[in-house]
Amino acid sequence: MHDPLSYRQEIYRKLIHLSSSCIPFMLWYFGKDTFQPWIISCAIILPILDYGRRHNKFLYRIYSDLFITFTRPIEQGILSGASWVIIGAAVTIFIFNENTAIIGLLVLSIADSAAAIVGIKFGKTQLFSKSLEGSTAFFITATIIVFSLSSAAAYVNFIAVIAATVVELFSTPRINDNLLIPMVLALILTIGGVG
């Protein structure tokens, strides 16, 4: 159901993932006009460094010293989850308004982390390549975030949460949920009238 990292490694990985919740808070604090150039710059630089670690011994040594314990085996040959988080954040912030971007990015950082932690620790019921327990944790956490922050009608919020849960459920390392979750959620909320 998941790549072979120990539960402790997965907790550390998800703590790093949770730290990405600083992105929507910085967006809220600084505003889109001020924050957008910074996040776009990071979305260019980080993937270049991430790609470069596979071709440059110096970058690989730095990456290994800092992050190899938290890297899933599949990420050795592709962009890491961190790169996808930054790319997803930059694209979401660029395309959507502040409110929908903030909600989408909070769901990504918090609900996705809840899904992994619960799914790996308590996941017994396989649901495609994930677990029912992890997907349920994602759904509940996303529901709390969306219904707390979105001004859309309840049915719009519900559709957004269902869509984000489906994206998380069917994601793969190559179809990355760190890119798609905030975009899908923000798109549905935008169509639903969240300004």
N, C-alpha and C. Protein backbone atom coordinates (compact mmCIF):
# COMPACT_ATOMS: atom_id res chain seq x y z
N MET A 1 0.80 -1.19 0.00
CA MET A 1 0.00 0.00 0.00
C MET A 1 0.85 1.27 0.00
N HIS A 2 2.12 1.17 0.36
CA HIS A 2 2.98 2.33 0.37
C HIS A 2 4.41 1.87 0.17
N ASP A 3 5.27 2.83 -0.15
CA ASP A 3 6.69 2.51 -0.28
C ASP A 3 7.24 2.13 1.09
N PRO A 4 8.27 1.28 1.10
CA PRO A 4 8.78 0.76 2.37
C PRO A 4 9.61 1.75 3.18
N LEU A 5 8.95 2.67 3.86
CA LEU A 5 9.61 3.49 4.87
C LEU A 5 9.05 3.04 6.20
N SER A 6 9.85 3.12 7.23
CA SER A 6 9.34 2.76 8.55
C SER A 6 8.31 3.80 8.97
N TYR A 7 7.51 3.44 9.95
CA TYR A 7 6.50 4.39 10.44
C TYR A 7 7.17 5.64 10.99
N ARG A 8 8.28 5.49 11.67
CA ARG A 8 9.00 6.65 12.20
C ARG A 8 9.50 7.55 11.07
N GLN A 9 10.05 6.94 10.02
CA GLN A 9 10.49 7.74 8.88
C GLN A 9 9.30 8.46 8.24
N GLU A 10 8.16 7.77 8.16
CA GLU A 10 6.97 8.39 7.57
C GLU A 10 6.48 9.55 8.42
N ILE A 11 6.57 9.42 9.74
CA ILE A 11 6.18 10.53 10.63
C ILE A 11 7.08 11.74 10.36
N TYR A 12 8.39 11.53 10.29
CA TYR A 12 9.30 12.64 10.01
C TYR A 12 9.00 13.25 8.64
N ARG A 13 8.74 12.39 7.66
CA ARG A 13 8.43 12.86 6.31
C ARG A 13 7.18 13.73 6.34
N LYS A 14 6.18 13.30 7.06
CA LYS A 14 4.93 14.05 7.11
C LYS A 14 5.04 15.30 7.98
N LEU A 15 5.95 15.33 8.94
CA LEU A 15 6.20 16.57 9.67
C LEU A 15 6.79 17.62 8.73
N ILE A 16 7.67 17.16 7.84
CA ILE A 16 8.21 18.07 6.83
C ILE A 16 7.07 18.53 5.91
N HIS A 17 6.21 17.57 5.52
CA HIS A 17 5.06 17.89 4.66
C HIS A 17 4.14 18.89 5.36
N LEU A 18 3.90 18.68 6.65
CA LEU A 18 3.07 19.62 7.42
C LEU A 18 3.67 21.01 7.47
N SER A 19 5.00 21.08 7.44
CA SER A 19 5.64 22.39 7.47
C SER A 19 5.29 23.21 6.23
N SER A 20 4.82 22.54 5.17
CA SER A 20 4.41 23.29 3.97
C SER A 20 3.14 24.10 4.23
N SER A 21 2.51 23.88 5.39
CA SER A 21 1.35 24.72 5.73
C SER A 21 1.77 26.17 5.96
N CYS A 22 3.07 26.42 6.08
CA CYS A 22 3.53 27.81 6.17
C CYS A 22 3.28 28.55 4.85
N ILE A 23 3.18 27.82 3.74
CA ILE A 23 2.96 28.47 2.43
C ILE A 23 1.61 29.19 2.41
N PRO A 24 0.48 28.53 2.74
CA PRO A 24 -0.77 29.30 2.73
C PRO A 24 -0.81 30.41 3.79
N PHE A 25 -0.11 30.20 4.91
CA PHE A 25 -0.08 31.27 5.92
C PHE A 25 0.72 32.47 5.40
N MET A 26 1.81 32.22 4.70
CA MET A 26 2.58 33.34 4.12
C MET A 26 1.78 34.02 3.02
N LEU A 27 1.03 33.23 2.24
CA LEU A 27 0.17 33.81 1.21
C LEU A 27 -0.87 34.73 1.86
N TRP A 28 -1.47 34.27 2.93
CA TRP A 28 -2.47 35.08 3.64
C TRP A 28 -1.83 36.34 4.24
N TYR A 29 -0.67 36.20 4.86
CA TYR A 29 -0.03 37.32 5.55
C TYR A 29 0.51 38.37 4.57
N PHE A 30 1.23 37.91 3.52
CA PHE A 30 1.87 38.86 2.61
C PHE A 30 0.98 39.26 1.43
N GLY A 31 0.01 38.43 1.11
CA GLY A 31 -0.84 38.70 -0.05
C GLY A 31 -0.24 38.11 -1.31
N LYS A 32 -1.11 37.88 -2.28
CA LYS A 32 -0.70 37.21 -3.51
C LYS A 32 0.36 37.99 -4.29
N ASP A 33 0.17 39.30 -4.42
CA ASP A 33 1.09 40.10 -5.23
C ASP A 33 2.51 40.06 -4.69
N THR A 34 2.67 40.08 -3.39
CA THR A 34 4.00 40.06 -2.79
C THR A 34 4.58 38.65 -2.75
N PHE A 35 3.76 37.66 -2.42
CA PHE A 35 4.26 36.31 -2.19
C PHE A 35 4.49 35.52 -3.48
N GLN A 36 3.68 35.78 -4.51
CA GLN A 36 3.75 34.98 -5.73
C GLN A 36 5.13 34.94 -6.38
N PRO A 37 5.86 36.04 -6.53
CA PRO A 37 7.19 35.94 -7.15
C PRO A 37 8.15 35.02 -6.37
N TRP A 38 8.02 35.02 -5.04
CA TRP A 38 8.90 34.20 -4.21
C TRP A 38 8.59 32.71 -4.40
N ILE A 39 7.31 32.35 -4.40
CA ILE A 39 6.96 30.94 -4.52
C ILE A 39 7.26 30.44 -5.94
N ILE A 40 7.09 31.30 -6.94
CA ILE A 40 7.43 30.88 -8.31
C ILE A 40 8.93 30.68 -8.44
N SER A 41 9.71 31.56 -7.82
CA SER A 41 11.18 31.39 -7.84
C SER A 41 11.58 30.07 -7.19
N CYS A 42 10.96 29.76 -6.05
CA CYS A 42 11.25 28.49 -5.37
C CYS A 42 10.83 27.31 -6.24
N ALA A 43 9.71 27.46 -6.97
CA ALA A 43 9.22 26.38 -7.82
C ALA A 43 10.10 26.16 -9.05
N ILE A 44 10.94 27.09 -9.34
CA ILE A 44 11.92 26.91 -10.43
C ILE A 44 13.22 26.34 -9.85
N ILE A 45 13.70 26.93 -8.76
CA ILE A 45 15.00 26.56 -8.20
C ILE A 45 15.00 25.16 -7.58
N LEU A 46 13.99 24.86 -6.75
CA LEU A 46 13.99 23.56 -6.04
C LEU A 46 13.98 22.37 -6.99
N PRO A 47 13.11 22.33 -8.01
CA PRO A 47 13.17 21.18 -8.93
C PRO A 47 14.48 21.08 -9.70
N ILE A 48 15.10 22.22 -10.00
CA ILE A 48 16.42 22.17 -10.66
C ILE A 48 17.44 21.52 -9.75
N LEU A 49 17.44 21.91 -8.48
CA LEU A 49 18.36 21.29 -7.51
C LEU A 49 18.01 19.82 -7.30
N ASP A 50 16.71 19.53 -7.23
CA ASP A 50 16.25 18.16 -7.05
C ASP A 50 16.69 17.28 -8.22
N TYR A 51 16.52 17.79 -9.42
CA TYR A 51 16.98 17.05 -10.61
C TYR A 51 18.51 16.95 -10.61
N GLY A 52 19.15 18.04 -10.22
CA GLY A 52 20.61 18.08 -10.23
C GLY A 52 21.26 17.09 -9.28
N ARG A 53 20.57 16.72 -8.20
CA ARG A 53 21.15 15.77 -7.23
C ARG A 53 21.45 14.43 -7.88
N ARG A 54 20.77 14.11 -8.97
CA ARG A 54 21.01 12.83 -9.64
C ARG A 54 22.20 12.89 -10.58
N HIS A 55 22.69 14.09 -10.85
CA HIS A 55 23.77 14.25 -11.83
C HIS A 55 24.99 14.98 -11.28
N ASN A 56 24.91 15.43 -10.04
CA ASN A 56 26.01 16.18 -9.46
C ASN A 56 26.32 15.60 -8.08
N LYS A 57 27.56 15.15 -7.92
CA LYS A 57 27.93 14.49 -6.66
C LYS A 57 27.81 15.42 -5.46
N PHE A 58 28.16 16.68 -5.62
CA PHE A 58 28.08 17.62 -4.52
C PHE A 58 26.62 17.78 -4.06
N LEU A 59 25.70 18.01 -5.02
CA LEU A 59 24.28 18.14 -4.67
C LEU A 59 23.74 16.84 -4.08
N TYR A 60 24.17 15.72 -4.61
CA TYR A 60 23.70 14.44 -4.08
C TYR A 60 24.16 14.24 -2.63
N ARG A 61 25.40 14.64 -2.34
CA ARG A 61 25.91 14.50 -0.98
C ARG A 61 25.11 15.37 0.00
N ILE A 62 24.80 16.60 -0.38
CA ILE A 62 24.00 17.47 0.47
C ILE A 62 22.60 16.88 0.66
N TYR A 63 22.01 16.43 -0.44
CA TYR A 63 20.67 15.84 -0.37
C TYR A 63 20.69 14.60 0.53
N SER A 64 21.69 13.77 0.36
CA SER A 64 21.79 12.54 1.17
C SER A 64 21.93 12.85 2.64
N ASP A 65 22.78 13.82 2.96
CA ASP A 65 22.98 14.17 4.37
C ASP A 65 21.71 14.69 5.03
N LEU A 66 20.90 15.42 4.27
CA LEU A 66 19.72 16.06 4.86
C LEU A 66 18.43 15.26 4.72
N PHE A 67 18.25 14.58 3.57
CA PHE A 67 16.91 14.08 3.27
C PHE A 67 16.80 12.60 2.90
N ILE A 68 17.88 11.90 2.73
CA ILE A 68 17.78 10.54 2.20
C ILE A 68 16.96 9.62 3.09
N THR A 69 16.99 9.85 4.40
CA THR A 69 16.22 8.98 5.31
C THR A 69 14.73 9.11 5.09
N PHE A 70 14.28 10.25 4.57
CA PHE A 70 12.85 10.50 4.39
C PHE A 70 12.40 10.32 2.95
N THR A 71 13.32 9.95 2.08
CA THR A 71 13.00 9.82 0.67
C THR A 71 12.52 8.41 0.37
N ARG A 72 11.38 8.32 -0.26
CA ARG A 72 10.87 7.01 -0.67
C ARG A 72 11.75 6.48 -1.80
N PRO A 73 11.91 5.17 -1.87
CA PRO A 73 12.77 4.59 -2.92
C PRO A 73 12.42 5.05 -4.33
N ILE A 74 11.13 5.19 -4.63
CA ILE A 74 10.72 5.61 -5.97
C ILE A 74 11.21 7.01 -6.30
N GLU A 75 11.43 7.84 -5.27
CA GLU A 75 11.84 9.22 -5.51
C GLU A 75 13.33 9.36 -5.84
N GLN A 76 14.05 8.26 -5.77
CA GLN A 76 15.47 8.33 -6.14
C GLN A 76 15.64 8.70 -7.60
N GLY A 77 14.67 8.28 -8.45
CA GLY A 77 14.81 8.53 -9.88
C GLY A 77 13.89 9.60 -10.43
N ILE A 78 13.06 10.21 -9.59
CA ILE A 78 12.14 11.25 -10.05
C ILE A 78 12.18 12.42 -9.08
N LEU A 79 11.42 13.46 -9.39
CA LEU A 79 11.35 14.60 -8.47
C LEU A 79 10.79 14.15 -7.13
N SER A 80 11.28 14.72 -6.07
CA SER A 80 10.81 14.38 -4.73
C SER A 80 9.46 15.03 -4.47
N GLY A 81 8.78 14.56 -3.43
CA GLY A 81 7.51 15.14 -3.04
C GLY A 81 7.63 16.62 -2.72
N ALA A 82 8.76 17.03 -2.14
CA ALA A 82 8.96 18.45 -1.80
C ALA A 82 8.92 19.34 -3.04
N SER A 83 9.53 18.88 -4.12
CA SER A 83 9.48 19.66 -5.36
C SER A 83 8.05 19.79 -5.86
N TRP A 84 7.30 18.68 -5.79
CA TRP A 84 5.91 18.72 -6.25
C TRP A 84 5.05 19.62 -5.37
N VAL A 85 5.32 19.67 -4.07
CA VAL A 85 4.57 20.57 -3.18
C VAL A 85 4.79 22.01 -3.61
N ILE A 86 6.04 22.38 -3.86
CA ILE A 86 6.35 23.77 -4.24
C ILE A 86 5.77 24.09 -5.61
N ILE A 87 5.89 23.15 -6.56
CA ILE A 87 5.31 23.38 -7.89
C ILE A 87 3.79 23.52 -7.78
N GLY A 88 3.17 22.61 -7.03
CA GLY A 88 1.72 22.67 -6.86
C GLY A 88 1.28 23.98 -6.21
N ALA A 89 2.03 24.43 -5.22
CA ALA A 89 1.71 25.69 -4.55
C ALA A 89 1.84 26.87 -5.52
N ALA A 90 2.92 26.90 -6.27
CA ALA A 90 3.14 28.02 -7.20
C ALA A 90 2.06 28.07 -8.28
N VAL A 91 1.72 26.92 -8.86
CA VAL A 91 0.69 26.89 -9.90
C VAL A 91 -0.67 27.28 -9.33
N THR A 92 -0.99 26.75 -8.17
CA THR A 92 -2.28 27.06 -7.53
C THR A 92 -2.39 28.54 -7.21
N ILE A 93 -1.33 29.11 -6.65
CA ILE A 93 -1.34 30.53 -6.30
C ILE A 93 -1.41 31.39 -7.56
N PHE A 94 -0.74 30.97 -8.63
CA PHE A 94 -0.74 31.74 -9.87
C PHE A 94 -2.12 31.74 -10.52
N ILE A 95 -2.79 30.59 -10.55
CA ILE A 95 -4.05 30.46 -11.28
C ILE A 95 -5.26 30.96 -10.48
N PHE A 96 -5.29 30.68 -9.19
CA PHE A 96 -6.51 30.90 -8.42
C PHE A 96 -6.39 32.09 -7.47
N ASN A 97 -7.53 32.53 -6.96
CA ASN A 97 -7.50 33.64 -6.02
C ASN A 97 -6.93 33.18 -4.68
N GLU A 98 -6.62 34.15 -3.84
CA GLU A 98 -5.99 33.85 -2.55
C GLU A 98 -6.79 32.88 -1.69
N ASN A 99 -8.09 33.11 -1.59
CA ASN A 99 -8.91 32.29 -0.69
C ASN A 99 -8.93 30.83 -1.10
N THR A 100 -9.17 30.56 -2.37
CA THR A 100 -9.24 29.17 -2.81
C THR A 100 -7.86 28.52 -2.76
N ALA A 101 -6.83 29.29 -3.07
CA ALA A 101 -5.46 28.75 -3.00
C ALA A 101 -5.11 28.38 -1.56
N ILE A 102 -5.43 29.23 -0.63
CA ILE A 102 -5.14 28.95 0.79
C ILE A 102 -5.83 27.68 1.24
N ILE A 103 -7.11 27.53 0.90
CA ILE A 103 -7.84 26.33 1.30
C ILE A 103 -7.23 25.08 0.67
N GLY A 104 -6.95 25.14 -0.63
CA GLY A 104 -6.36 23.99 -1.31
C GLY A 104 -5.01 23.60 -0.74
N LEU A 105 -4.19 24.58 -0.41
CA LEU A 105 -2.85 24.30 0.12
C LEU A 105 -2.90 23.79 1.55
N LEU A 106 -3.86 24.27 2.33
CA LEU A 106 -4.02 23.72 3.69
C LEU A 106 -4.47 22.26 3.64
N VAL A 107 -5.39 21.95 2.74
CA VAL A 107 -5.82 20.56 2.59
C VAL A 107 -4.64 19.69 2.17
N LEU A 108 -3.85 20.19 1.25
CA LEU A 108 -2.67 19.42 0.82
C LEU A 108 -1.75 19.13 1.99
N SER A 109 -1.39 20.14 2.75
CA SER A 109 -0.39 19.92 3.80
C SER A 109 -0.94 19.13 4.98
N ILE A 110 -2.18 19.38 5.37
CA ILE A 110 -2.71 18.76 6.59
C ILE A 110 -3.43 17.44 6.30
N ALA A 111 -4.38 17.46 5.36
CA ALA A 111 -5.17 16.24 5.10
C ALA A 111 -4.32 15.14 4.47
N ASP A 112 -3.41 15.52 3.57
CA ASP A 112 -2.54 14.51 2.95
C ASP A 112 -1.63 13.87 4.00
N SER A 113 -1.16 14.66 4.93
CA SER A 113 -0.33 14.11 6.02
C SER A 113 -1.14 13.17 6.90
N ALA A 114 -2.37 13.57 7.22
CA ALA A 114 -3.24 12.72 8.04
C ALA A 114 -3.50 11.38 7.35
N ALA A 115 -3.73 11.43 6.04
CA ALA A 115 -3.99 10.20 5.28
C ALA A 115 -2.81 9.24 5.37
N ALA A 116 -1.61 9.76 5.20
CA ALA A 116 -0.42 8.89 5.22
C ALA A 116 -0.18 8.32 6.61
N ILE A 117 -0.26 9.16 7.62
CA ILE A 117 0.03 8.70 8.98
C ILE A 117 -1.00 7.67 9.44
N VAL A 118 -2.28 7.96 9.23
CA VAL A 118 -3.33 7.01 9.63
C VAL A 118 -3.27 5.76 8.76
N GLY A 119 -3.11 5.94 7.47
CA GLY A 119 -3.10 4.80 6.56
C GLY A 119 -1.97 3.83 6.83
N ILE A 120 -0.79 4.34 7.12
CA ILE A 120 0.35 3.45 7.36
C ILE A 120 0.24 2.78 8.72
N LYS A 121 -0.24 3.51 9.71
CA LYS A 121 -0.33 2.94 11.06
C LYS A 121 -1.53 2.01 11.22
N PHE A 122 -2.68 2.41 10.68
CA PHE A 122 -3.92 1.66 10.95
C PHE A 122 -4.55 1.05 9.71
N GLY A 123 -3.95 1.30 8.54
CA GLY A 123 -4.56 0.83 7.30
C GLY A 123 -4.57 -0.68 7.17
N LYS A 124 -5.75 -1.24 7.19
CA LYS A 124 -5.92 -2.70 7.04
C LYS A 124 -6.72 -3.04 5.78
N THR A 125 -7.58 -2.12 5.36
CA THR A 125 -8.48 -2.38 4.24
C THR A 125 -7.92 -1.73 2.98
N GLN A 126 -7.38 -2.54 2.09
CA GLN A 126 -6.78 -1.99 0.88
C GLN A 126 -7.86 -1.40 -0.02
N LEU A 127 -7.59 -0.21 -0.50
CA LEU A 127 -8.48 0.51 -1.40
C LEU A 127 -7.60 1.01 -2.55
N PHE A 128 -7.60 0.26 -3.63
CA PHE A 128 -6.69 0.50 -4.75
C PHE A 128 -5.27 0.39 -4.19
N SER A 129 -4.42 1.40 -4.36
CA SER A 129 -3.05 1.28 -3.83
C SER A 129 -2.91 1.94 -2.45
N LYS A 130 -4.01 2.43 -1.90
CA LYS A 130 -3.99 3.10 -0.60
C LYS A 130 -4.80 2.26 0.39
N SER A 131 -5.21 2.88 1.49
CA SER A 131 -6.06 2.17 2.46
C SER A 131 -7.33 2.97 2.70
N LEU A 132 -8.38 2.27 3.03
CA LEU A 132 -9.65 2.91 3.35
C LEU A 132 -9.48 3.82 4.56
N GLU A 133 -8.71 3.37 5.54
CA GLU A 133 -8.50 4.16 6.76
C GLU A 133 -7.78 5.47 6.46
N GLY A 134 -6.75 5.41 5.61
CA GLY A 134 -6.03 6.63 5.24
C GLY A 134 -6.90 7.58 4.44
N SER A 135 -7.67 7.03 3.49
CA SER A 135 -8.57 7.87 2.70
C SER A 135 -9.65 8.50 3.56
N THR A 136 -10.12 7.76 4.56
CA THR A 136 -11.11 8.30 5.49
C THR A 136 -10.51 9.46 6.29
N ALA A 137 -9.28 9.29 6.75
CA ALA A 137 -8.60 10.37 7.48
C ALA A 137 -8.46 11.61 6.61
N PHE A 138 -8.10 11.40 5.34
CA PHE A 138 -8.00 12.53 4.41
C PHE A 138 -9.35 13.22 4.29
N PHE A 139 -10.40 12.44 4.05
CA PHE A 139 -11.74 12.99 3.85
C PHE A 139 -12.21 13.80 5.07
N ILE A 140 -12.03 13.25 6.25
CA ILE A 140 -12.49 13.94 7.47
C ILE A 140 -11.71 15.23 7.68
N THR A 141 -10.39 15.17 7.53
CA THR A 141 -9.55 16.36 7.73
C THR A 141 -9.86 17.42 6.69
N ALA A 142 -9.99 17.00 5.43
CA ALA A 142 -10.31 17.96 4.36
C ALA A 142 -11.68 18.58 4.58
N THR A 143 -12.64 17.79 5.05
CA THR A 143 -13.98 18.30 5.32
C THR A 143 -13.93 19.39 6.38
N ILE A 144 -13.19 19.16 7.44
CA ILE A 144 -13.07 20.16 8.51
C ILE A 144 -12.47 21.46 7.97
N ILE A 145 -11.40 21.34 7.19
CA ILE A 145 -10.73 22.53 6.65
C ILE A 145 -11.64 23.28 5.69
N VAL A 146 -12.21 22.56 4.73
CA VAL A 146 -13.01 23.22 3.69
C VAL A 146 -14.27 23.85 4.27
N PHE A 147 -14.99 23.10 5.10
CA PHE A 147 -16.23 23.65 5.65
C PHE A 147 -15.95 24.78 6.64
N SER A 148 -14.76 24.82 7.23
CA SER A 148 -14.42 25.92 8.15
C SER A 148 -14.04 27.19 7.41
N LEU A 149 -13.43 27.05 6.22
CA LEU A 149 -12.86 28.22 5.55
C LEU A 149 -13.58 28.66 4.28
N SER A 150 -14.35 27.79 3.67
CA SER A 150 -14.98 28.12 2.40
C SER A 150 -16.34 28.77 2.59
N SER A 151 -16.59 29.79 1.78
CA SER A 151 -17.90 30.46 1.82
C SER A 151 -18.87 29.87 0.80
N ALA A 152 -18.45 28.83 0.11
CA ALA A 152 -19.31 28.22 -0.91
C ALA A 152 -20.46 27.46 -0.25
N ALA A 153 -21.45 27.15 -1.06
CA ALA A 153 -22.57 26.35 -0.58
C ALA A 153 -22.06 24.98 -0.12
N ALA A 154 -22.79 24.37 0.80
CA ALA A 154 -22.36 23.09 1.38
C ALA A 154 -22.13 22.03 0.31
N TYR A 155 -23.00 21.98 -0.71
CA TYR A 155 -22.82 20.96 -1.74
C TYR A 155 -21.55 21.18 -2.55
N VAL A 156 -21.16 22.44 -2.76
CA VAL A 156 -19.91 22.74 -3.47
C VAL A 156 -18.72 22.28 -2.62
N ASN A 157 -18.75 22.61 -1.34
CA ASN A 157 -17.68 22.17 -0.44
C ASN A 157 -17.58 20.65 -0.43
N PHE A 158 -18.72 19.97 -0.39
CA PHE A 158 -18.73 18.51 -0.36
C PHE A 158 -18.13 17.94 -1.65
N ILE A 159 -18.50 18.50 -2.80
CA ILE A 159 -17.94 18.04 -4.08
C ILE A 159 -16.43 18.26 -4.11
N ALA A 160 -15.98 19.41 -3.60
CA ALA A 160 -14.55 19.70 -3.57
C ALA A 160 -13.79 18.70 -2.71
N VAL A 161 -14.35 18.37 -1.55
CA VAL A 161 -13.70 17.40 -0.65
C VAL A 161 -13.67 16.01 -1.29
N ILE A 162 -14.78 15.60 -1.88
CA ILE A 162 -14.83 14.28 -2.56
C ILE A 162 -13.79 14.24 -3.68
N ALA A 163 -13.73 15.29 -4.50
CA ALA A 163 -12.78 15.32 -5.62
C ALA A 163 -11.34 15.25 -5.11
N ALA A 164 -11.02 16.00 -4.07
CA ALA A 164 -9.66 15.98 -3.52
C ALA A 164 -9.33 14.60 -2.95
N THR A 165 -10.31 13.96 -2.31
CA THR A 165 -10.10 12.62 -1.75
C THR A 165 -9.84 11.61 -2.86
N VAL A 166 -10.57 11.73 -3.95
CA VAL A 166 -10.37 10.83 -5.10
C VAL A 166 -8.98 11.04 -5.71
N VAL A 167 -8.57 12.31 -5.82
CA VAL A 167 -7.23 12.60 -6.35
C VAL A 167 -6.16 11.96 -5.46
N GLU A 168 -6.31 12.10 -4.15
CA GLU A 168 -5.34 11.51 -3.23
C GLU A 168 -5.36 9.99 -3.33
N LEU A 169 -6.52 9.41 -3.47
CA LEU A 169 -6.66 7.95 -3.54
C LEU A 169 -5.98 7.37 -4.77
N PHE A 170 -6.10 8.04 -5.89
CA PHE A 170 -5.57 7.49 -7.14
C PHE A 170 -4.22 8.08 -7.55
N SER A 171 -3.61 8.85 -6.68
CA SER A 171 -2.32 9.45 -7.03
C SER A 171 -1.22 8.38 -7.09
N THR A 172 -0.22 8.67 -7.88
CA THR A 172 0.97 7.83 -7.97
C THR A 172 2.17 8.78 -7.91
N PRO A 173 3.38 8.26 -7.76
CA PRO A 173 4.53 9.16 -7.77
C PRO A 173 4.65 9.96 -9.07
N ARG A 174 4.13 9.43 -10.16
CA ARG A 174 4.21 10.14 -11.43
C ARG A 174 3.00 11.03 -11.69
N ILE A 175 1.85 10.73 -11.10
CA ILE A 175 0.68 11.60 -11.14
C ILE A 175 0.55 12.11 -9.70
N ASN A 176 1.24 13.16 -9.40
CA ASN A 176 1.50 13.52 -8.02
C ASN A 176 0.38 14.31 -7.38
N ASP A 177 -0.08 13.83 -6.24
CA ASP A 177 -1.17 14.51 -5.53
C ASP A 177 -0.73 15.86 -4.95
N ASN A 178 0.55 16.05 -4.74
CA ASN A 178 1.04 17.35 -4.24
C ASN A 178 0.80 18.45 -5.26
N LEU A 179 0.72 18.10 -6.52
CA LEU A 179 0.40 19.05 -7.58
C LEU A 179 -1.11 19.16 -7.75
N LEU A 180 -1.80 18.03 -7.75
CA LEU A 180 -3.21 18.01 -8.14
C LEU A 180 -4.20 18.37 -7.04
N ILE A 181 -3.94 17.97 -5.80
CA ILE A 181 -4.92 18.23 -4.73
C ILE A 181 -5.27 19.72 -4.62
N PRO A 182 -4.30 20.61 -4.46
CA PRO A 182 -4.70 22.02 -4.29
C PRO A 182 -5.36 22.60 -5.53
N MET A 183 -4.93 22.15 -6.71
CA MET A 183 -5.50 22.69 -7.95
C MET A 183 -6.94 22.24 -8.14
N VAL A 184 -7.21 20.95 -7.93
CA VAL A 184 -8.57 20.43 -8.10
C VAL A 184 -9.51 21.08 -7.09
N LEU A 185 -9.08 21.15 -5.85
CA LEU A 185 -9.92 21.74 -4.81
C LEU A 185 -10.18 23.23 -5.10
N ALA A 186 -9.15 23.96 -5.45
CA ALA A 186 -9.31 25.39 -5.74
C ALA A 186 -10.19 25.61 -6.97
N LEU A 187 -10.06 24.74 -7.96
CA LEU A 187 -10.89 24.86 -9.17
C LEU A 187 -12.37 24.70 -8.83
N ILE A 188 -12.70 23.68 -8.08
CA ILE A 188 -14.11 23.43 -7.73
C ILE A 188 -14.66 24.56 -6.87
N LEU A 189 -13.87 25.03 -5.92
CA LEU A 189 -14.33 26.15 -5.08
C LEU A 189 -14.51 27.42 -5.90
N THR A 190 -13.63 27.63 -6.87
CA THR A 190 -13.75 28.81 -7.74
C THR A 190 -15.02 28.72 -8.57
N ILE A 191 -15.25 27.56 -9.17
CA ILE A 191 -16.50 27.37 -9.94
C ILE A 191 -17.71 27.56 -9.03
N GLY A 192 -17.59 27.14 -7.77
CA GLY A 192 -18.68 27.27 -6.80
C GLY A 192 -18.85 28.67 -6.24
N GLY A 193 -18.00 29.60 -6.65
CA GLY A 193 -18.21 31.00 -6.30
C GLY A 193 -17.40 31.53 -5.12
N VAL A 194 -16.39 30.79 -4.66
CA VAL A 194 -15.56 31.31 -3.57
C VAL A 194 -14.67 32.40 -4.14
N GLY A 195 -14.77 33.60 -3.57
CA GLY A 195 -13.99 34.73 -4.08
C GLY A 195 -12.85 35.08 -3.19
